Amino acid sequence: MAIRDILVVPNPLLKEVSAPVERVDDELRALMDDMLETMYAAPGIGLAAIQVGVPKRVIVMDIARDGEDKQPRYFANPEILWASEETAPYEEGCLSVPEIYDEVERPARVKIRYLNYQGDVVEEDAEGLFAVCIQHEMDHLDGVLFIDHLSRLKREQAIRKVKKQAKAA
């Protein structure tokens, strides 16, 4: 396993639409393992493959709370089958938009389908933080960042702030 570099705005790769994976094989599992290690090191709770420069429809996630055992999750080719009309606001952040947080309104519940680490097809319902995180990460697969859900002014301010932080580093 290896820690990979996380792309940050305004890197143009982050706006790319990721390609579906053919199957979950050892090569893809190695990518997922690297992504998980990268996410934990950042630290974060979710990471899409495009954030490490790989335009594949792959996500890793672990929403376990501090003090709980790690609960890594792997999603290849995730899709939303159903989304509730009810929405819920949640303050989101992103490893590709460091130190920027803002409230985003998303469907409160979703039903998803994906391939797991073994390549099995899984369907499950998501709500709460799981629903927020899976939708946030799936946005990445379509070239959408959480700041794209904000007003143009807030989005431009966020990008300027990240650029300024990068220059200072």
N, C-alpha and C. Protein backbone atom coordinates (compact mmCIF):
# COMPACT_ATOMS: atom_id res chain seq x y z
N MET A 1 0.84 -1.19 0.00
CA MET A 1 0.00 0.00 0.00
C MET A 1 0.88 1.24 0.00
N ALA A 2 0.35 2.30 -0.57
CA ALA A 2 1.11 3.54 -0.68
C ALA A 2 0.19 4.73 -0.53
N ILE A 3 0.74 5.78 0.07
CA ILE A 3 -0.01 7.03 0.18
C ILE A 3 0.22 7.81 -1.11
N ARG A 4 -0.86 8.22 -1.73
CA ARG A 4 -0.79 8.97 -2.99
C ARG A 4 -1.06 10.45 -2.75
N ASP A 5 -0.64 11.27 -3.70
CA ASP A 5 -0.90 12.71 -3.62
C ASP A 5 -2.37 12.96 -3.93
N ILE A 6 -2.98 13.85 -3.15
CA ILE A 6 -4.37 14.24 -3.37
C ILE A 6 -4.39 15.53 -4.19
N LEU A 7 -5.12 15.51 -5.31
CA LEU A 7 -5.25 16.69 -6.15
C LEU A 7 -6.12 17.72 -5.45
N VAL A 8 -5.78 19.00 -5.64
CA VAL A 8 -6.60 20.07 -5.07
C VAL A 8 -7.02 21.04 -6.17
N VAL A 9 -8.13 21.77 -5.88
CA VAL A 9 -8.61 22.77 -6.83
C VAL A 9 -7.52 23.80 -7.05
N PRO A 10 -7.36 24.31 -8.24
CA PRO A 10 -8.21 24.16 -9.43
C PRO A 10 -7.71 23.10 -10.42
N ASN A 11 -7.11 22.01 -9.96
CA ASN A 11 -6.60 20.98 -10.87
C ASN A 11 -7.71 20.53 -11.84
N PRO A 12 -7.48 20.62 -13.15
CA PRO A 12 -8.54 20.30 -14.12
C PRO A 12 -8.99 18.83 -14.10
N LEU A 13 -8.15 17.92 -13.62
CA LEU A 13 -8.56 16.50 -13.54
C LEU A 13 -9.79 16.33 -12.65
N LEU A 14 -9.92 17.19 -11.63
CA LEU A 14 -11.04 17.08 -10.71
C LEU A 14 -12.39 17.35 -11.39
N LYS A 15 -12.36 17.94 -12.58
CA LYS A 15 -13.60 18.23 -13.31
C LYS A 15 -13.93 17.14 -14.34
N GLU A 16 -13.06 16.13 -14.45
CA GLU A 16 -13.29 15.04 -15.40
C GLU A 16 -14.35 14.07 -14.90
N VAL A 17 -15.07 13.47 -15.85
CA VAL A 17 -16.02 12.41 -15.53
C VAL A 17 -15.23 11.10 -15.55
N SER A 18 -15.35 10.33 -14.48
CA SER A 18 -14.60 9.08 -14.35
C SER A 18 -15.27 7.95 -15.13
N ALA A 19 -14.45 7.03 -15.61
CA ALA A 19 -14.93 5.89 -16.41
C ALA A 19 -15.31 4.71 -15.51
N PRO A 20 -16.33 3.96 -15.90
CA PRO A 20 -16.68 2.75 -15.14
C PRO A 20 -15.53 1.74 -15.17
N VAL A 21 -15.46 0.91 -14.15
CA VAL A 21 -14.46 -0.16 -14.13
C VAL A 21 -15.09 -1.41 -14.74
N GLU A 22 -14.24 -2.20 -15.39
CA GLU A 22 -14.72 -3.44 -16.02
C GLU A 22 -15.09 -4.48 -14.96
N ARG A 23 -14.19 -4.62 -13.96
CA ARG A 23 -14.39 -5.62 -12.90
C ARG A 23 -13.49 -5.26 -11.72
N VAL A 24 -13.79 -5.83 -10.58
CA VAL A 24 -12.95 -5.65 -9.41
C VAL A 24 -11.93 -6.79 -9.43
N ASP A 25 -10.67 -6.44 -9.68
CA ASP A 25 -9.60 -7.43 -9.72
C ASP A 25 -8.49 -6.98 -8.76
N ASP A 26 -7.38 -7.72 -8.75
CA ASP A 26 -6.30 -7.40 -7.82
C ASP A 26 -5.72 -6.01 -8.05
N GLU A 27 -5.64 -5.59 -9.30
CA GLU A 27 -5.12 -4.26 -9.61
C GLU A 27 -6.04 -3.17 -9.04
N LEU A 28 -7.35 -3.36 -9.18
CA LEU A 28 -8.29 -2.38 -8.64
C LEU A 28 -8.29 -2.41 -7.11
N ARG A 29 -8.18 -3.59 -6.53
CA ARG A 29 -8.11 -3.69 -5.06
C ARG A 29 -6.86 -2.99 -4.54
N ALA A 30 -5.74 -3.08 -5.27
CA ALA A 30 -4.51 -2.38 -4.87
C ALA A 30 -4.74 -0.87 -4.88
N LEU A 31 -5.45 -0.36 -5.91
CA LEU A 31 -5.81 1.06 -5.95
C LEU A 31 -6.67 1.42 -4.75
N MET A 32 -7.70 0.60 -4.47
CA MET A 32 -8.58 0.87 -3.33
C MET A 32 -7.80 0.90 -2.02
N ASP A 33 -6.86 -0.04 -1.86
CA ASP A 33 -6.05 -0.07 -0.64
C ASP A 33 -5.20 1.19 -0.51
N ASP A 34 -4.58 1.62 -1.62
CA ASP A 34 -3.81 2.87 -1.61
C ASP A 34 -4.70 4.06 -1.27
N MET A 35 -5.88 4.09 -1.86
CA MET A 35 -6.81 5.19 -1.61
C MET A 35 -7.20 5.24 -0.14
N LEU A 36 -7.47 4.07 0.45
CA LEU A 36 -7.87 4.03 1.85
C LEU A 36 -6.73 4.53 2.74
N GLU A 37 -5.51 4.08 2.47
CA GLU A 37 -4.36 4.53 3.25
C GLU A 37 -4.17 6.05 3.10
N THR A 38 -4.34 6.55 1.88
CA THR A 38 -4.23 7.98 1.60
C THR A 38 -5.30 8.76 2.37
N MET A 39 -6.54 8.24 2.35
CA MET A 39 -7.65 8.90 3.04
C MET A 39 -7.41 8.97 4.54
N TYR A 40 -6.97 7.85 5.14
CA TYR A 40 -6.70 7.83 6.58
C TYR A 40 -5.57 8.80 6.94
N ALA A 41 -4.56 8.89 6.09
CA ALA A 41 -3.41 9.75 6.38
C ALA A 41 -3.76 11.22 6.27
N ALA A 42 -4.78 11.58 5.49
CA ALA A 42 -5.08 12.98 5.17
C ALA A 42 -5.40 13.87 6.38
N PRO A 43 -6.27 13.57 7.32
CA PRO A 43 -7.24 12.48 7.38
C PRO A 43 -8.59 12.92 6.79
N GLY A 44 -9.33 11.93 6.29
CA GLY A 44 -10.65 12.18 5.74
C GLY A 44 -11.55 10.98 5.97
N ILE A 45 -12.81 11.11 5.51
CA ILE A 45 -13.77 10.01 5.68
C ILE A 45 -14.20 9.42 4.35
N GLY A 46 -13.80 10.03 3.23
CA GLY A 46 -14.15 9.51 1.92
C GLY A 46 -13.16 10.02 0.89
N LEU A 47 -12.95 9.22 -0.17
CA LEU A 47 -12.02 9.61 -1.21
C LEU A 47 -12.44 8.93 -2.52
N ALA A 48 -12.49 9.71 -3.59
CA ALA A 48 -12.78 9.17 -4.92
C ALA A 48 -11.47 9.03 -5.68
N ALA A 49 -11.40 8.03 -6.56
CA ALA A 49 -10.15 7.74 -7.28
C ALA A 49 -9.63 8.96 -8.05
N ILE A 50 -10.54 9.77 -8.61
CA ILE A 50 -10.10 10.94 -9.39
C ILE A 50 -9.30 11.91 -8.50
N GLN A 51 -9.54 11.87 -7.19
CA GLN A 51 -8.81 12.77 -6.29
C GLN A 51 -7.34 12.39 -6.15
N VAL A 52 -7.00 11.17 -6.56
CA VAL A 52 -5.59 10.77 -6.60
C VAL A 52 -5.14 10.61 -8.05
N GLY A 53 -5.90 11.24 -8.97
CA GLY A 53 -5.50 11.29 -10.37
C GLY A 53 -5.88 10.08 -11.21
N VAL A 54 -6.76 9.22 -10.69
CA VAL A 54 -7.18 8.03 -11.44
C VAL A 54 -8.66 8.19 -11.81
N PRO A 55 -8.95 8.41 -13.10
CA PRO A 55 -10.34 8.66 -13.51
C PRO A 55 -11.18 7.39 -13.65
N LYS A 56 -11.32 6.67 -12.54
CA LYS A 56 -12.15 5.46 -12.48
C LYS A 56 -13.25 5.67 -11.45
N ARG A 57 -14.39 5.01 -11.67
CA ARG A 57 -15.55 5.16 -10.78
C ARG A 57 -15.35 4.29 -9.54
N VAL A 58 -14.47 4.76 -8.65
CA VAL A 58 -14.12 4.04 -7.43
C VAL A 58 -14.09 5.01 -6.26
N ILE A 59 -14.65 4.56 -5.14
CA ILE A 59 -14.71 5.36 -3.91
C ILE A 59 -14.30 4.47 -2.74
N VAL A 60 -13.61 5.06 -1.77
CA VAL A 60 -13.42 4.42 -0.47
C VAL A 60 -13.98 5.35 0.59
N MET A 61 -14.38 4.76 1.72
CA MET A 61 -15.02 5.55 2.77
C MET A 61 -14.86 4.85 4.11
N ASP A 62 -14.80 5.63 5.16
CA ASP A 62 -14.87 5.10 6.53
C ASP A 62 -15.44 6.21 7.40
N ILE A 63 -16.70 6.02 7.80
CA ILE A 63 -17.37 7.06 8.59
C ILE A 63 -17.43 6.70 10.07
N ALA A 64 -16.58 5.75 10.50
CA ALA A 64 -16.52 5.39 11.92
C ALA A 64 -16.11 6.63 12.72
N ARG A 65 -16.68 6.79 13.87
CA ARG A 65 -16.37 7.94 14.73
C ARG A 65 -15.04 7.70 15.44
N ASP A 66 -14.44 8.78 15.95
CA ASP A 66 -13.21 8.65 16.73
C ASP A 66 -13.44 7.69 17.89
N GLY A 67 -12.49 6.80 18.10
CA GLY A 67 -12.61 5.84 19.19
C GLY A 67 -13.25 4.52 18.77
N GLU A 68 -13.94 4.52 17.62
CA GLU A 68 -14.53 3.28 17.10
C GLU A 68 -13.51 2.56 16.23
N ASP A 69 -13.70 1.25 16.08
CA ASP A 69 -12.85 0.49 15.16
C ASP A 69 -13.07 1.00 13.74
N LYS A 70 -12.02 0.92 12.93
CA LYS A 70 -12.14 1.34 11.53
C LYS A 70 -13.16 0.45 10.82
N GLN A 71 -13.92 1.07 9.93
CA GLN A 71 -14.95 0.36 9.16
C GLN A 71 -14.81 0.74 7.68
N PRO A 72 -13.71 0.30 7.04
CA PRO A 72 -13.50 0.70 5.64
C PRO A 72 -14.56 0.13 4.71
N ARG A 73 -14.96 0.97 3.75
CA ARG A 73 -15.97 0.58 2.75
C ARG A 73 -15.38 0.86 1.37
N TYR A 74 -15.74 0.03 0.41
CA TYR A 74 -15.24 0.14 -0.96
C TYR A 74 -16.41 0.12 -1.93
N PHE A 75 -16.39 1.02 -2.91
CA PHE A 75 -17.48 1.15 -3.86
C PHE A 75 -16.91 1.29 -5.27
N ALA A 76 -17.22 0.34 -6.14
CA ALA A 76 -16.84 0.45 -7.55
C ALA A 76 -18.14 0.61 -8.35
N ASN A 77 -18.11 1.51 -9.32
CA ASN A 77 -19.28 1.81 -10.16
C ASN A 77 -20.54 2.10 -9.34
N PRO A 78 -20.45 2.92 -8.30
CA PRO A 78 -21.67 3.20 -7.51
C PRO A 78 -22.68 3.99 -8.32
N GLU A 79 -23.95 3.72 -8.07
CA GLU A 79 -25.02 4.47 -8.71
C GLU A 79 -26.16 4.66 -7.71
N ILE A 80 -26.85 5.77 -7.85
CA ILE A 80 -28.01 6.05 -7.00
C ILE A 80 -29.24 5.53 -7.73
N LEU A 81 -29.96 4.62 -7.08
CA LEU A 81 -31.17 4.04 -7.65
C LEU A 81 -32.40 4.86 -7.30
N TRP A 82 -32.35 5.51 -6.13
CA TRP A 82 -33.48 6.29 -5.65
C TRP A 82 -32.96 7.33 -4.67
N ALA A 83 -33.55 8.50 -4.67
CA ALA A 83 -33.22 9.55 -3.71
C ALA A 83 -34.51 10.12 -3.14
N SER A 84 -34.53 10.36 -1.84
CA SER A 84 -35.72 10.92 -1.19
C SER A 84 -35.95 12.35 -1.65
N GLU A 85 -37.22 12.75 -1.64
CA GLU A 85 -37.53 14.15 -1.93
C GLU A 85 -37.10 15.03 -0.77
N GLU A 86 -37.15 14.46 0.44
CA GLU A 86 -36.72 15.18 1.64
C GLU A 86 -35.22 15.43 1.55
N THR A 87 -34.81 16.65 1.85
CA THR A 87 -33.39 16.97 1.84
C THR A 87 -32.92 17.31 3.25
N ALA A 88 -31.61 17.32 3.42
CA ALA A 88 -31.03 17.67 4.71
C ALA A 88 -29.74 18.45 4.47
N PRO A 89 -29.54 19.52 5.25
CA PRO A 89 -28.30 20.27 5.12
C PRO A 89 -27.19 19.60 5.94
N TYR A 90 -25.97 19.70 5.45
CA TYR A 90 -24.82 19.14 6.18
C TYR A 90 -23.60 19.96 5.84
N GLU A 91 -22.81 20.29 6.85
CA GLU A 91 -21.58 21.04 6.59
C GLU A 91 -20.54 20.08 6.03
N GLU A 92 -20.13 20.33 4.80
CA GLU A 92 -19.20 19.45 4.12
C GLU A 92 -17.84 20.10 3.97
N GLY A 93 -16.84 19.26 3.86
CA GLY A 93 -15.48 19.66 3.55
C GLY A 93 -14.96 18.66 2.53
N CYS A 94 -13.76 18.89 2.02
CA CYS A 94 -13.24 18.00 0.98
C CYS A 94 -11.72 18.04 1.00
N LEU A 95 -11.11 16.87 0.86
CA LEU A 95 -9.65 16.80 0.83
C LEU A 95 -9.07 17.53 -0.38
N SER A 96 -9.87 17.70 -1.43
CA SER A 96 -9.42 18.43 -2.62
C SER A 96 -9.71 19.92 -2.55
N VAL A 97 -10.37 20.34 -1.47
CA VAL A 97 -10.63 21.76 -1.21
C VAL A 97 -10.28 21.99 0.26
N PRO A 98 -8.98 21.90 0.60
CA PRO A 98 -8.57 21.88 2.01
C PRO A 98 -9.00 23.11 2.80
N GLU A 99 -9.43 22.82 4.02
CA GLU A 99 -9.77 23.83 5.03
C GLU A 99 -10.95 24.72 4.63
N ILE A 100 -11.78 24.27 3.70
CA ILE A 100 -12.99 24.99 3.31
C ILE A 100 -14.18 24.12 3.71
N TYR A 101 -15.13 24.72 4.40
CA TYR A 101 -16.32 23.99 4.84
C TYR A 101 -17.53 24.87 4.56
N ASP A 102 -18.61 24.25 4.11
CA ASP A 102 -19.84 24.99 3.90
C ASP A 102 -21.01 24.01 3.87
N GLU A 103 -22.19 24.57 4.09
CA GLU A 103 -23.39 23.75 4.14
C GLU A 103 -23.89 23.43 2.73
N VAL A 104 -24.19 22.13 2.51
CA VAL A 104 -24.74 21.66 1.24
C VAL A 104 -26.03 20.91 1.55
N GLU A 105 -27.04 21.15 0.74
CA GLU A 105 -28.34 20.48 0.89
C GLU A 105 -28.38 19.31 -0.10
N ARG A 106 -28.63 18.10 0.43
CA ARG A 106 -28.69 16.90 -0.42
C ARG A 106 -29.90 16.06 -0.01
N PRO A 107 -30.30 15.10 -0.86
CA PRO A 107 -31.35 14.17 -0.43
C PRO A 107 -30.97 13.50 0.90
N ALA A 108 -31.93 13.38 1.80
CA ALA A 108 -31.66 12.84 3.13
C ALA A 108 -31.39 11.33 3.10
N ARG A 109 -32.00 10.65 2.11
CA ARG A 109 -31.82 9.20 2.00
C ARG A 109 -31.65 8.82 0.53
N VAL A 110 -30.83 7.83 0.29
CA VAL A 110 -30.64 7.31 -1.07
C VAL A 110 -30.54 5.79 -1.03
N LYS A 111 -30.90 5.17 -2.13
CA LYS A 111 -30.67 3.74 -2.32
C LYS A 111 -29.57 3.64 -3.37
N ILE A 112 -28.52 2.86 -3.06
CA ILE A 112 -27.37 2.77 -3.96
C ILE A 112 -27.10 1.32 -4.38
N ARG A 113 -26.43 1.20 -5.52
CA ARG A 113 -25.95 -0.10 -6.00
C ARG A 113 -24.48 0.08 -6.38
N TYR A 114 -23.65 -0.91 -6.05
CA TYR A 114 -22.23 -0.82 -6.35
C TYR A 114 -21.61 -2.22 -6.30
N LEU A 115 -20.36 -2.30 -6.74
CA LEU A 115 -19.57 -3.51 -6.57
C LEU A 115 -18.68 -3.32 -5.35
N ASN A 116 -18.64 -4.32 -4.47
CA ASN A 116 -17.81 -4.20 -3.28
C ASN A 116 -16.37 -4.68 -3.55
N TYR A 117 -15.56 -4.78 -2.51
CA TYR A 117 -14.14 -5.15 -2.62
C TYR A 117 -13.95 -6.51 -3.30
N GLN A 118 -14.93 -7.40 -3.12
CA GLN A 118 -14.84 -8.73 -3.72
C GLN A 118 -15.43 -8.76 -5.15
N GLY A 119 -16.07 -7.66 -5.55
CA GLY A 119 -16.68 -7.61 -6.87
C GLY A 119 -18.14 -8.02 -6.88
N ASP A 120 -18.71 -8.22 -5.68
CA ASP A 120 -20.13 -8.58 -5.58
C ASP A 120 -21.01 -7.34 -5.75
N VAL A 121 -22.17 -7.53 -6.38
CA VAL A 121 -23.14 -6.45 -6.51
C VAL A 121 -23.88 -6.30 -5.18
N VAL A 122 -23.91 -5.07 -4.67
CA VAL A 122 -24.57 -4.78 -3.40
C VAL A 122 -25.57 -3.65 -3.62
N GLU A 123 -26.75 -3.78 -3.04
CA GLU A 123 -27.72 -2.68 -2.99
C GLU A 123 -27.98 -2.39 -1.52
N GLU A 124 -27.98 -1.11 -1.16
CA GLU A 124 -28.29 -0.76 0.22
C GLU A 124 -28.83 0.66 0.31
N ASP A 125 -29.51 0.90 1.43
CA ASP A 125 -30.05 2.22 1.72
C ASP A 125 -29.04 2.99 2.55
N ALA A 126 -28.96 4.29 2.30
CA ALA A 126 -28.05 5.15 3.05
C ALA A 126 -28.82 6.34 3.59
N GLU A 127 -28.50 6.72 4.82
CA GLU A 127 -29.07 7.94 5.41
C GLU A 127 -28.04 8.55 6.32
N GLY A 128 -28.31 9.76 6.79
CA GLY A 128 -27.38 10.44 7.68
C GLY A 128 -26.04 10.71 7.01
N LEU A 129 -24.97 10.60 7.79
CA LEU A 129 -23.63 10.88 7.28
C LEU A 129 -23.27 9.97 6.11
N PHE A 130 -23.70 8.71 6.14
CA PHE A 130 -23.43 7.79 5.04
C PHE A 130 -24.02 8.33 3.74
N ALA A 131 -25.26 8.80 3.79
CA ALA A 131 -25.92 9.34 2.58
C ALA A 131 -25.19 10.58 2.08
N VAL A 132 -24.80 11.46 2.99
CA VAL A 132 -24.08 12.67 2.61
C VAL A 132 -22.75 12.30 1.95
N CYS A 133 -22.01 11.43 2.60
CA CYS A 133 -20.67 11.09 2.12
C CYS A 133 -20.72 10.37 0.77
N ILE A 134 -21.62 9.42 0.60
CA ILE A 134 -21.67 8.69 -0.67
C ILE A 134 -22.07 9.63 -1.81
N GLN A 135 -22.99 10.55 -1.55
CA GLN A 135 -23.38 11.51 -2.59
C GLN A 135 -22.24 12.47 -2.92
N HIS A 136 -21.53 12.92 -1.90
CA HIS A 136 -20.38 13.82 -2.08
C HIS A 136 -19.32 13.13 -2.95
N GLU A 137 -18.99 11.89 -2.60
CA GLU A 137 -17.95 11.17 -3.34
C GLU A 137 -18.42 10.82 -4.75
N MET A 138 -19.70 10.47 -4.91
CA MET A 138 -20.21 10.16 -6.24
C MET A 138 -20.20 11.40 -7.13
N ASP A 139 -20.40 12.58 -6.54
CA ASP A 139 -20.27 13.82 -7.30
C ASP A 139 -18.88 13.90 -7.95
N HIS A 140 -17.84 13.53 -7.18
CA HIS A 140 -16.47 13.56 -7.72
C HIS A 140 -16.36 12.73 -9.00
N LEU A 141 -17.07 11.61 -9.05
CA LEU A 141 -16.99 10.72 -10.21
C LEU A 141 -17.56 11.38 -11.46
N ASP A 142 -18.38 12.42 -11.25
CA ASP A 142 -18.97 13.17 -12.37
C ASP A 142 -18.33 14.54 -12.53
N GLY A 143 -17.18 14.76 -11.90
CA GLY A 143 -16.47 16.02 -12.04
C GLY A 143 -17.08 17.17 -11.27
N VAL A 144 -17.84 16.85 -10.22
CA VAL A 144 -18.51 17.87 -9.42
C VAL A 144 -17.88 17.91 -8.02
N LEU A 145 -17.54 19.10 -7.57
CA LEU A 145 -17.01 19.30 -6.21
C LEU A 145 -18.11 19.87 -5.33
N PHE A 146 -17.99 19.69 -4.02
CA PHE A 146 -19.04 20.21 -3.14
C PHE A 146 -19.19 21.72 -3.28
N ILE A 147 -18.11 22.42 -3.61
CA ILE A 147 -18.22 23.88 -3.78
C ILE A 147 -19.03 24.25 -5.02
N ASP A 148 -19.23 23.30 -5.93
CA ASP A 148 -20.08 23.56 -7.10
C ASP A 148 -21.55 23.69 -6.70
N HIS A 149 -21.89 23.23 -5.49
CA HIS A 149 -23.26 23.37 -4.99
C HIS A 149 -23.48 24.72 -4.31
N LEU A 150 -22.41 25.50 -4.17
CA LEU A 150 -22.50 26.80 -3.51
C LEU A 150 -22.72 27.90 -4.55
N SER A 151 -22.95 29.11 -4.07
CA SER A 151 -23.08 30.25 -4.98
C SER A 151 -21.74 30.47 -5.69
N ARG A 152 -21.80 31.14 -6.84
CA ARG A 152 -20.56 31.40 -7.58
C ARG A 152 -19.57 32.19 -6.73
N LEU A 153 -20.06 33.15 -5.97
CA LEU A 153 -19.19 33.97 -5.12
C LEU A 153 -18.48 33.09 -4.09
N LYS A 154 -19.22 32.25 -3.38
CA LYS A 154 -18.61 31.38 -2.37
C LYS A 154 -17.61 30.41 -3.00
N ARG A 155 -17.95 29.89 -4.18
CA ARG A 155 -17.07 28.95 -4.88
C ARG A 155 -15.76 29.65 -5.25
N GLU A 156 -15.86 30.84 -5.83
CA GLU A 156 -14.66 31.57 -6.23
C GLU A 156 -13.81 31.95 -5.02
N GLN A 157 -14.45 32.31 -3.91
CA GLN A 157 -13.72 32.63 -2.68
C GLN A 157 -12.96 31.40 -2.17
N ALA A 158 -13.62 30.25 -2.22
CA ALA A 158 -12.99 29.00 -1.75
C ALA A 158 -11.75 28.68 -2.59
N ILE A 159 -11.88 28.80 -3.91
CA ILE A 159 -10.75 28.49 -4.79
C ILE A 159 -9.59 29.46 -4.55
N ARG A 160 -9.92 30.74 -4.39
CA ARG A 160 -8.88 31.74 -4.10
C ARG A 160 -8.16 31.41 -2.80
N LYS A 161 -8.92 31.02 -1.78
CA LYS A 161 -8.33 30.70 -0.47
C LYS A 161 -7.40 29.49 -0.58
N VAL A 162 -7.82 28.46 -1.32
CA VAL A 162 -6.98 27.26 -1.49
C VAL A 162 -5.70 27.61 -2.24
N LYS A 163 -5.81 28.43 -3.28
CA LYS A 163 -4.63 28.86 -4.04
C LYS A 163 -3.66 29.63 -3.14
N LYS A 164 -4.22 30.49 -2.31
CA LYS A 164 -3.41 31.30 -1.39
C LYS A 164 -2.69 30.39 -0.39
N GLN A 165 -3.40 29.39 0.14
CA GLN A 165 -2.80 28.44 1.07
C GLN A 165 -1.65 27.68 0.41
N ALA A 166 -1.84 27.30 -0.87
CA ALA A 166 -0.81 26.54 -1.60
C ALA A 166 0.44 27.36 -1.79
N LYS A 167 0.27 28.66 -2.08
CA LYS A 167 1.42 29.55 -2.25
C LYS A 167 2.19 29.72 -0.95
N ALA A 168 1.46 29.76 0.16
CA ALA A 168 2.08 29.98 1.47
C ALA A 168 2.81 28.73 1.97
N ALA A 169 2.45 27.57 1.45
CA ALA A 169 3.04 26.29 1.91
C ALA A 169 4.44 26.08 1.37
